[in-house]
Protein backbone atom coordinates (compact mmCIF):
# COMPACT_ATOMS: atom_id res chain seq x y z
CA UNK A 1 -150.32 197.85 -118.64
CA UNK A 2 -152.43 196.17 -116.03
CA UNK A 3 -151.24 192.56 -115.98
CA UNK A 4 -152.89 189.64 -114.22
CA UNK A 5 -150.55 186.78 -113.27
CA UNK A 6 -152.36 183.50 -112.69
CA UNK A 7 -150.53 181.53 -110.00
CA UNK A 8 -148.16 182.47 -107.18
CA UNK A 9 -145.72 179.62 -107.12
CA UNK A 10 -142.07 180.54 -107.55
CA UNK A 11 -142.72 180.96 -111.30
CA UNK A 12 -145.65 183.34 -110.78
CA UNK A 13 -143.99 185.41 -108.05
CA UNK A 14 -140.79 185.93 -110.04
CA UNK A 15 -142.88 186.86 -113.08
CA UNK A 16 -144.75 189.42 -110.96
CA UNK A 17 -141.44 190.86 -109.76
CA UNK A 18 -139.92 191.40 -113.21
CA UNK A 19 -143.19 192.71 -114.67
CA UNK A 20 -143.62 195.20 -111.81
CA UNK A 21 -139.98 196.19 -112.24
CA UNK A 22 -140.90 197.22 -115.79
CA UNK A 23 -143.54 199.55 -114.39
CA UNK A 24 -146.68 197.52 -115.01
CA UNK A 25 -149.59 197.39 -112.59
CA UNK A 26 -149.44 193.75 -111.54
CA UNK A 27 -152.08 191.62 -109.84
CA UNK A 28 -151.56 187.97 -108.87
CA UNK A 29 -154.30 185.38 -108.26
CA UNK A 30 -153.80 182.20 -106.26
CA UNK A 31 -156.13 179.76 -104.54
CA UNK A 32 -153.72 179.42 -101.63
CA UNK A 33 -153.40 181.83 -98.69
CA UNK A 34 -149.71 182.51 -99.35
CA UNK A 35 -147.09 182.12 -102.06
CA UNK A 36 -145.41 178.90 -103.18
CA UNK A 37 -147.75 176.66 -101.21
CA UNK A 38 -148.10 173.82 -103.71
CA UNK A 39 -145.37 172.63 -106.12
CA UNK A 40 -142.88 175.19 -104.75
CA UNK A 41 -143.57 174.36 -101.11
CA UNK A 42 -141.11 171.54 -100.50
CA UNK A 43 -138.90 171.09 -103.54
CA UNK A 44 -135.31 169.82 -103.53
CA UNK A 45 -133.94 173.31 -102.89
CA UNK A 46 -131.23 172.94 -105.53
CA UNK A 47 -130.43 175.55 -108.17
CA UNK A 48 -128.46 173.22 -110.36
CA UNK A 49 -127.44 173.89 -113.96
CA UNK A 50 -124.92 171.13 -113.25
CA UNK A 51 -127.71 168.58 -113.20
CA UNK A 52 -129.80 169.81 -116.14
CA UNK A 53 -130.18 166.44 -117.82
CA UNK A 54 -133.56 165.64 -119.39
CA UNK A 55 -135.68 162.82 -117.99
CA UNK A 56 -136.58 161.80 -121.55
CA UNK A 57 -133.49 159.73 -122.31
CA UNK A 58 -132.91 156.44 -124.16
CA UNK A 59 -132.99 154.67 -120.75
CA UNK A 60 -136.37 156.08 -119.73
CA UNK A 61 -138.72 153.67 -121.63
CA UNK A 62 -137.12 150.62 -119.99
CA UNK A 63 -137.32 152.26 -116.55
CA UNK A 64 -141.01 153.06 -117.05
CA UNK A 65 -141.71 149.49 -118.18
CA UNK A 66 -139.94 148.04 -115.12
CA UNK A 67 -141.90 150.38 -112.87
CA UNK A 68 -145.11 148.53 -113.80
CA UNK A 69 -143.79 145.45 -112.01
CA UNK A 70 -141.32 146.83 -109.45
CA UNK A 71 -141.51 149.53 -106.80
CA UNK A 72 -137.84 150.56 -106.67
CA UNK A 73 -137.50 152.58 -109.88
CA UNK A 74 -136.85 156.33 -109.75
CA UNK A 75 -139.26 157.09 -112.63
CA UNK A 76 -142.64 155.40 -112.15
CA UNK A 77 -145.78 155.03 -114.21
CA UNK A 78 -149.07 154.24 -112.49
CA UNK A 79 -151.51 153.84 -115.37
CA UNK A 80 -155.00 155.30 -115.26
CA UNK A 81 -157.86 155.85 -117.68
CA UNK A 82 -156.94 159.52 -118.10
CA UNK A 83 -156.47 160.05 -121.87
CA UNK A 84 -154.25 163.07 -121.23
CA UNK A 85 -151.79 160.83 -119.38
CA UNK A 86 -151.45 158.54 -122.39
CA UNK A 87 -151.15 161.40 -124.88
CA UNK A 88 -148.39 162.92 -122.75
CA UNK A 89 -146.61 159.57 -122.35
CA UNK A 90 -146.53 159.06 -126.12
CA UNK A 91 -145.00 162.50 -126.58
CA UNK A 92 -142.51 161.76 -123.80
CA UNK A 93 -141.46 158.47 -125.39
CA UNK A 94 -140.96 160.25 -128.72
CA UNK A 95 -138.31 162.40 -126.99
CA UNK A 96 -136.37 159.39 -125.68
CA UNK A 97 -133.81 159.17 -128.47
CA UNK A 98 -130.15 160.04 -128.06
CA UNK A 99 -130.42 162.89 -130.57
CA UNK A 100 -133.48 164.48 -128.93
CA UNK A 101 -132.10 163.96 -125.44
CA UNK A 102 -128.96 165.86 -126.41
CA UNK A 103 -130.97 168.71 -127.93
CA UNK A 104 -133.23 168.89 -124.87
CA UNK A 105 -130.20 168.96 -122.57
CA UNK A 106 -128.70 171.87 -124.52
CA UNK A 107 -131.96 173.81 -124.35
CA UNK A 108 -132.44 173.01 -120.68
CA UNK A 109 -128.95 173.94 -119.51
CA UNK A 110 -129.02 177.17 -121.50
CA UNK A 111 -132.12 178.32 -119.63
CA UNK A 112 -130.83 177.06 -116.27
CA UNK A 113 -127.56 178.97 -116.58
CA UNK A 114 -129.33 182.16 -117.68
CA UNK A 115 -131.80 181.76 -114.84
CA UNK A 116 -129.04 181.48 -112.26
CA UNK A 117 -127.57 184.72 -113.64
CA UNK A 118 -131.04 186.28 -113.34
CA UNK A 119 -131.27 185.19 -109.70
CA UNK A 120 -128.04 187.03 -108.96
CA UNK A 121 -129.33 190.06 -110.88
CA UNK A 122 -132.45 190.04 -108.69
CA UNK A 123 -130.46 189.62 -105.46
CA UNK A 124 -128.11 192.47 -106.35
CA UNK A 125 -131.13 194.76 -106.43
CA UNK A 126 -133.25 193.05 -103.77
CA UNK A 127 -131.29 191.22 -101.06
CA UNK A 128 -133.34 188.34 -99.61
CA UNK A 129 -132.32 185.91 -96.87
CA UNK A 130 -133.55 182.42 -97.79
CA UNK A 131 -130.86 180.09 -96.36
CA UNK A 132 -128.81 180.39 -99.53
CA UNK A 133 -125.81 178.07 -99.75
CA UNK A 134 -123.27 178.70 -102.49
CA UNK A 135 -120.06 176.79 -103.14
CA UNK A 136 -121.33 174.02 -105.36
CA UNK A 137 -123.04 170.65 -105.31
CA UNK A 138 -121.70 167.10 -105.17
CA UNK A 139 -122.98 164.24 -107.31
CA UNK A 140 -122.04 160.90 -105.78
CA UNK A 141 -121.40 157.61 -107.57
CA UNK A 142 -121.08 154.28 -105.77
CA UNK A 143 -120.34 152.08 -108.79
CA UNK A 144 -117.14 152.61 -110.85
CA UNK A 145 -118.87 151.88 -114.16
CA UNK A 146 -121.71 154.28 -113.35
CA UNK A 147 -119.16 156.93 -112.34
CA UNK A 148 -117.30 156.51 -115.63
CA UNK A 149 -120.57 156.84 -117.55
CA UNK A 150 -121.50 159.89 -115.46
CA UNK A 151 -118.21 161.60 -116.29
CA UNK A 152 -118.75 160.96 -120.00
CA UNK A 153 -122.32 162.29 -119.78
CA UNK A 154 -121.11 165.63 -118.43
CA UNK A 155 -119.82 166.60 -121.88
CA UNK A 156 -123.25 167.80 -123.06
CA UNK A 157 -123.34 170.25 -120.13
CA UNK A 158 -119.67 171.28 -120.11
CA UNK A 159 -119.86 171.97 -123.87
CA UNK A 160 -122.57 174.48 -122.95
CA UNK A 161 -120.60 176.34 -120.31
CA UNK A 162 -121.27 174.38 -117.11
CA UNK A 163 -118.23 173.63 -114.93
CA UNK A 164 -118.22 169.99 -113.81
CA UNK A 165 -115.15 168.47 -112.17
CA UNK A 166 -114.56 164.76 -111.55
CA UNK A 167 -113.14 164.28 -108.04
CA UNK A 168 -111.64 161.43 -106.08
CA UNK A 169 -113.44 160.55 -102.87
CA UNK A 170 -110.63 162.15 -100.84
CA UNK A 171 -110.94 165.38 -102.81
CA UNK A 172 -114.72 165.29 -102.42
CA UNK A 173 -114.45 164.86 -98.65
CA UNK A 174 -112.31 167.98 -98.48
CA UNK A 175 -115.00 169.87 -100.39
CA UNK A 176 -117.84 168.41 -98.30
CA UNK A 177 -116.48 167.12 -94.95
CA UNK A 178 -119.77 165.33 -94.22
CA UNK A 179 -118.66 162.68 -96.75
CA UNK A 180 -115.52 161.75 -94.82
CA UNK A 181 -117.08 158.81 -92.99
CA UNK A 182 -118.61 157.23 -96.12
CA UNK A 183 -115.68 157.49 -98.53
CA UNK A 184 -115.44 153.70 -98.69
CA UNK A 185 -118.97 153.57 -100.16
CA UNK A 186 -118.12 155.84 -103.09
CA UNK A 187 -116.36 155.26 -106.40
CA UNK A 188 -116.13 158.92 -107.36
CA UNK A 189 -117.80 162.30 -107.23
CA UNK A 190 -118.63 164.96 -109.82
CA UNK A 191 -118.40 168.44 -108.33
CA UNK A 192 -120.34 171.36 -109.78
CA UNK A 193 -118.78 174.45 -108.17
CA UNK A 194 -121.41 176.93 -109.38
CA UNK A 195 -124.53 175.06 -108.25
CA UNK A 196 -126.26 176.30 -105.12
CA UNK A 197 -129.32 175.81 -102.95
CA UNK A 198 -131.87 177.64 -100.82
CA UNK A 199 -135.40 177.58 -99.44
CA UNK A 200 -137.71 178.20 -102.40
CA UNK A 201 -140.85 178.61 -100.27
CA UNK A 202 -139.18 181.14 -97.99
CA UNK A 203 -137.73 183.04 -100.96
CA UNK A 204 -141.06 183.22 -102.80
CA UNK A 205 -142.90 184.62 -99.79
CA UNK A 206 -140.22 187.21 -99.06
CA UNK A 207 -140.20 188.25 -102.71
CA UNK A 208 -144.00 188.49 -102.66
CA UNK A 209 -143.76 190.73 -99.60
CA UNK A 210 -141.17 192.90 -101.36
CA UNK A 211 -143.36 193.08 -104.48
CA UNK A 212 -146.29 194.22 -102.35
CA UNK A 213 -144.42 196.78 -100.28
CA UNK A 214 -141.93 198.15 -102.83
CA UNK A 215 -143.38 197.40 -106.27
CA UNK A 216 -147.12 197.89 -105.66
CA UNK A 217 -148.10 194.36 -106.68
CA UNK A 218 -151.51 193.22 -105.43
CA UNK A 219 -151.86 189.57 -104.42
CA UNK A 220 -155.37 188.12 -104.35
CA UNK A 221 -155.00 185.20 -101.94
CA UNK A 222 -157.51 182.36 -101.45
CA UNK A 223 -158.92 183.15 -104.88
CA UNK A 224 -159.56 180.10 -107.06
CA UNK A 225 -159.53 180.38 -110.84
CA UNK A 226 -162.79 178.95 -112.17
CA UNK A 227 -162.33 179.66 -115.86
CA UNK A 228 -160.71 181.93 -118.43
CA UNK A 229 -163.01 183.61 -120.94
CA UNK A 230 -161.87 184.77 -124.37
CA UNK A 231 -163.49 186.45 -127.36
CA UNK A 232 -161.98 186.88 -130.79
CA UNK A 233 -158.24 187.25 -130.42
CA UNK A 234 -158.22 188.41 -126.78
CA UNK A 235 -158.73 187.05 -123.31
CA UNK A 236 -161.62 189.05 -121.86
CA UNK A 237 -161.60 188.09 -118.18
CA UNK A 238 -160.72 185.49 -115.58
CA UNK A 239 -163.66 184.27 -113.53
CA UNK A 240 -162.64 183.47 -109.96
CA UNK A 241 -164.30 182.33 -106.74
CA UNK A 242 -164.42 186.02 -105.79
CA UNK A 243 -165.76 187.38 -109.07
CA UNK A 244 -164.46 188.27 -112.51
CA UNK A 245 -161.11 190.03 -112.95
CA UNK A 246 -159.93 191.88 -116.04
CA UNK A 247 -156.57 193.19 -117.26
CA UNK A 248 -154.77 194.37 -120.38
CA UNK A 249 -152.62 191.22 -120.41
CA UNK A 250 -152.57 187.84 -118.67
CA UNK A 251 -149.71 185.49 -117.71
CA UNK A 252 -150.63 181.85 -117.19
CA UNK A 253 -148.32 180.41 -114.50
CA UNK A 254 -150.47 177.78 -112.79
CA UNK A 255 -148.03 174.90 -113.17
CA UNK A 256 -149.64 171.48 -113.49
CA UNK A 257 -153.07 173.08 -113.75
CA UNK A 258 -152.13 175.31 -116.70
CA UNK A 259 -153.26 172.76 -119.33
CA UNK A 260 -156.67 172.51 -117.59
CA UNK A 261 -157.09 176.28 -117.58
CA UNK A 262 -155.81 176.60 -121.16
CA UNK A 263 -158.07 173.84 -122.48
CA UNK A 264 -161.15 175.93 -121.74
CA UNK A 265 -160.05 178.51 -124.34
CA UNK A 266 -158.90 176.03 -126.97
CA UNK A 267 -155.19 175.85 -126.14
CA UNK A 268 -153.54 172.45 -125.87
CA UNK A 269 -150.44 172.41 -123.66
CA UNK A 270 -148.23 169.28 -123.57
CA UNK A 271 -147.93 169.34 -119.77
CA UNK A 272 -148.77 166.60 -117.30
CA UNK A 273 -148.16 166.39 -113.55
CA UNK A 274 -145.36 164.21 -112.25
CA UNK A 275 -145.56 163.62 -108.50
CA UNK A 276 -142.44 164.09 -106.44
CA UNK A 277 -141.85 163.14 -102.81
CA UNK A 278 -139.95 165.14 -100.20
CA UNK A 279 -139.13 164.67 -96.55
CA UNK A 280 -137.64 167.30 -94.27
CA UNK A 281 -135.75 166.48 -91.07
CA UNK A 282 -134.30 168.79 -88.40
CA UNK A 283 -130.53 169.13 -88.18
CA UNK A 284 -130.64 170.13 -84.50
CA UNK A 285 -127.09 171.42 -84.36
CA UNK A 286 -125.42 168.23 -85.53
CA UNK A 287 -121.88 168.96 -86.69
CA UNK A 288 -121.82 166.27 -89.38
CA UNK A 289 -124.73 167.60 -91.39
CA UNK A 290 -123.87 168.31 -95.03
CA UNK A 291 -123.46 171.95 -96.02
CA UNK A 292 -123.58 171.52 -99.80
CA UNK A 293 -126.48 170.06 -101.74
CA UNK A 294 -126.08 166.95 -103.83
CA UNK A 295 -127.48 163.77 -105.35
CA UNK A 296 -126.77 160.12 -104.67
CA UNK A 297 -126.81 159.02 -108.31
CA UNK A 298 -127.09 155.32 -107.46
CA UNK A 299 -130.24 155.80 -105.38
CA UNK A 300 -131.39 159.05 -107.07
CA UNK A 301 -131.94 160.80 -103.76
CA UNK A 302 -131.21 164.54 -103.59
CA UNK A 303 -130.57 166.62 -100.49
CA UNK A 304 -130.05 170.24 -99.56
CA UNK A 305 -129.38 172.10 -96.34
CA UNK A 306 -132.06 174.69 -95.54
CA UNK A 307 -130.89 176.43 -92.38
CA UNK A 308 -131.55 174.07 -89.47
CA UNK A 309 -133.29 171.51 -91.70
CA UNK A 310 -132.22 168.89 -94.23
CA UNK A 311 -134.47 168.41 -97.26
CA UNK A 312 -134.52 165.05 -99.09
CA UNK A 313 -136.29 164.39 -102.37
CA UNK A 314 -136.71 161.41 -104.68
CA UNK A 315 -139.02 159.68 -107.15
CA UNK A 316 -140.87 160.91 -110.20
CA UNK A 317 -144.29 159.31 -110.45
CA UNK A 318 -146.66 159.71 -113.41
CA UNK A 319 -149.96 159.00 -111.69
CA UNK A 320 -152.33 161.92 -112.25
CA UNK A 321 -153.27 164.80 -110.00
CA UNK A 322 -153.30 163.07 -106.62
CA UNK A 323 -150.84 164.11 -103.91
CA UNK A 324 -151.60 161.33 -101.44
CA UNK A 325 -148.68 159.66 -99.67
CA UNK A 326 -147.83 157.36 -96.80
CA UNK A 327 -144.73 157.03 -94.58
CA UNK A 328 -143.51 154.00 -96.53
CA UNK A 329 -143.11 156.14 -99.64
CA UNK A 330 -140.22 157.95 -97.94
CA UNK A 331 -138.41 154.96 -96.42
CA UNK A 332 -135.89 154.64 -99.26
CA UNK A 333 -134.76 158.26 -99.20
CA UNK A 334 -134.52 158.30 -95.40
CA UNK A 335 -132.46 155.11 -95.41
CA UNK A 336 -130.17 156.49 -98.13
CA UNK A 337 -129.61 159.81 -96.35
CA UNK A 338 -129.05 158.16 -92.98
CA UNK A 339 -126.46 155.89 -94.58
CA UNK A 340 -124.64 158.88 -96.06
CA UNK A 341 -124.97 161.21 -93.07
CA UNK A 342 -125.58 159.01 -90.00
CA UNK A 343 -125.20 161.94 -87.61
CA UNK A 344 -126.39 164.57 -90.07
CA UNK A 345 -129.98 165.06 -88.86
CA UNK A 346 -132.67 163.77 -86.52
CA UNK A 347 -134.09 161.19 -88.91
CA UNK A 348 -136.65 160.10 -86.32
CA UNK A 349 -138.55 163.39 -86.79
CA UNK A 350 -139.49 163.48 -90.49
CA UNK A 351 -142.01 165.81 -92.10
CA UNK A 352 -143.55 164.30 -95.24
CA UNK A 353 -144.84 166.00 -98.41
CA UNK A 354 -145.75 165.16 -101.99
CA UNK A 355 -146.43 167.61 -104.82
CA UNK A 356 -146.94 167.87 -108.56
CA UNK A 357 -144.31 168.98 -111.05
CA UNK A 358 -145.62 170.41 -114.35
CA UNK A 359 -143.60 168.44 -116.88
CA UNK A 360 -143.31 168.83 -120.62
CA UNK A 361 -142.07 165.82 -122.61
CA UNK A 362 -138.81 167.67 -123.33
CA UNK A 363 -138.25 168.95 -119.78
CA UNK A 364 -138.15 172.59 -120.89
CA UNK A 365 -140.91 175.11 -120.14
CA UNK A 366 -143.41 176.80 -122.43
CA UNK A 367 -142.74 180.54 -122.56
CA UNK A 368 -144.18 183.39 -124.55
CA UNK A 369 -147.31 184.42 -126.46
CA UNK A 370 -150.25 182.09 -126.87
CA UNK A 371 -153.13 182.05 -129.34
CA UNK A 372 -154.58 185.24 -127.91
CA UNK A 373 -152.75 188.51 -128.37
CA UNK A 374 -152.87 189.40 -124.65
CA UNK A 375 -152.12 185.97 -123.15
CA UNK A 376 -148.60 184.85 -122.25
CA UNK A 377 -147.45 181.44 -121.07
CA UNK A 378 -144.93 180.78 -118.30
CA UNK A 379 -145.36 177.17 -117.29
CA UNK A 380 -143.98 173.63 -117.63
CA UNK A 381 -140.75 174.13 -115.66
CA UNK A 382 -141.10 170.61 -114.28
CA UNK A 383 -138.70 169.41 -111.60
CA UNK A 384 -136.42 172.45 -112.07
CA UNK A 385 -138.91 175.25 -111.48
CA UNK A 386 -136.77 176.76 -108.70
CA UNK A 387 -133.76 176.80 -111.03
CA UNK A 388 -135.63 177.99 -114.14
CA UNK A 389 -138.05 180.49 -112.61
CA UNK A 390 -135.86 183.61 -112.70
CA UNK A 391 -134.81 183.27 -116.32
CA UNK A 392 -138.33 182.31 -117.38
CA UNK A 393 -139.71 185.45 -115.70
CA UNK A 394 -137.19 187.75 -117.41
CA UNK A 395 -137.86 186.17 -120.80
CA UNK A 396 -141.63 186.63 -120.50
CA UNK A 397 -141.22 190.19 -119.18
CA UNK A 398 -138.94 190.98 -122.13
CA UNK A 399 -141.46 189.58 -124.60
CA UNK A 400 -144.33 191.58 -123.09
CA UNK A 401 -142.19 194.74 -123.22
CA UNK A 402 -141.25 194.11 -126.85
CA UNK A 403 -137.58 193.51 -125.98
CA UNK A 404 -135.54 190.70 -127.48
CA UNK A 405 -134.82 188.11 -124.76
CA UNK A 406 -131.18 187.70 -123.83
CA UNK A 407 -130.98 184.02 -124.83
CA UNK A 408 -131.93 181.88 -127.81
CA UNK A 409 -135.47 180.58 -127.26
CA UNK A 410 -135.08 177.40 -129.34
CA UNK A 411 -136.89 174.59 -127.56
CA UNK A 412 -138.64 176.91 -125.11
CA UNK A 413 -141.77 177.77 -127.12
CA UNK A 414 -144.51 175.78 -128.83
CA UNK A 415 -145.98 176.79 -132.18
CA UNK A 416 -149.34 175.14 -131.42
CA UNK A 417 -149.84 177.36 -128.34
């Protein structure tokens, strides 16, 4: 078939790859001039089934309430008059029970693990250099009680096949020597030996180049989607800033903007943007820079090594579609990273960024057929789009081809779509 993929973030590019691999004629539309230039531009860099916990937990409502009065919470709510924000928040709060959090974690980790396998499947066929670092990730705990709770919480992931190993600080420093000088600050570490990291933006653009040169995919850059038009049980065309485009089938992969595009053809998607903040600093040859990715669980700051740069990410802010930021928004993560790795990077030369994560209340994406017989959804990967993209792409490609996907899709589809 001729298939039109809407969006060229990491989710759209991987979808284009697996669809073209099946022999389809694939076209991709994006308003940017290159791939992965919005949500996928400056993410945490971690591919981490070992951290596939849902944000919708029993603790989340209290954190959101505190965020209305304090500025130091990791999950923040900045209320607005947007009715879609409040509808999403109500759905999110409904997921914040222990029972639903456990179910969402099982669904999430199942997709994350399958997606990591799909990444390796892709790389075996198509080697790409994107500053990949394998060998695991370290999750740091400063408080003994928090560490004990973190070890207990791993059961939901380890019961679903993830390897997570509690480590003493001495053992952790042997795994990641950059922690040697801060052992006294730590109570314990959970090591996930199969987690990895890499530059998502670099990967997406190299994969897009491969798709163009080897798979015949056509990318329509700087082409904004104005509306989708449907008639009867089919999507008829996509109207863009450069004219109308038609295809036999369409894949909606526009991230946070997917619910806006879907709304015009009567589809309601429970997705809302959650703003994340990232800062990137040069390593400049420092020999105490961390090699493995990880998370400071006390401060909820993540890091990953991307070649000669160190990427830091933190904060989840429910505040609408704005991506504005100021240097002060990054002070906490810079202070945390400098405390952990004082000679790990040139912290005086930061590069700031903020972007939108397309979140569902459950934290799992929306995959598969929609109301129209030729429209397929691949969106809502949230803060783990880099991790989930490969598996999501294979699942949607399998569905379009009439194959049974390799994993159970419970929790990954929505009946009302």
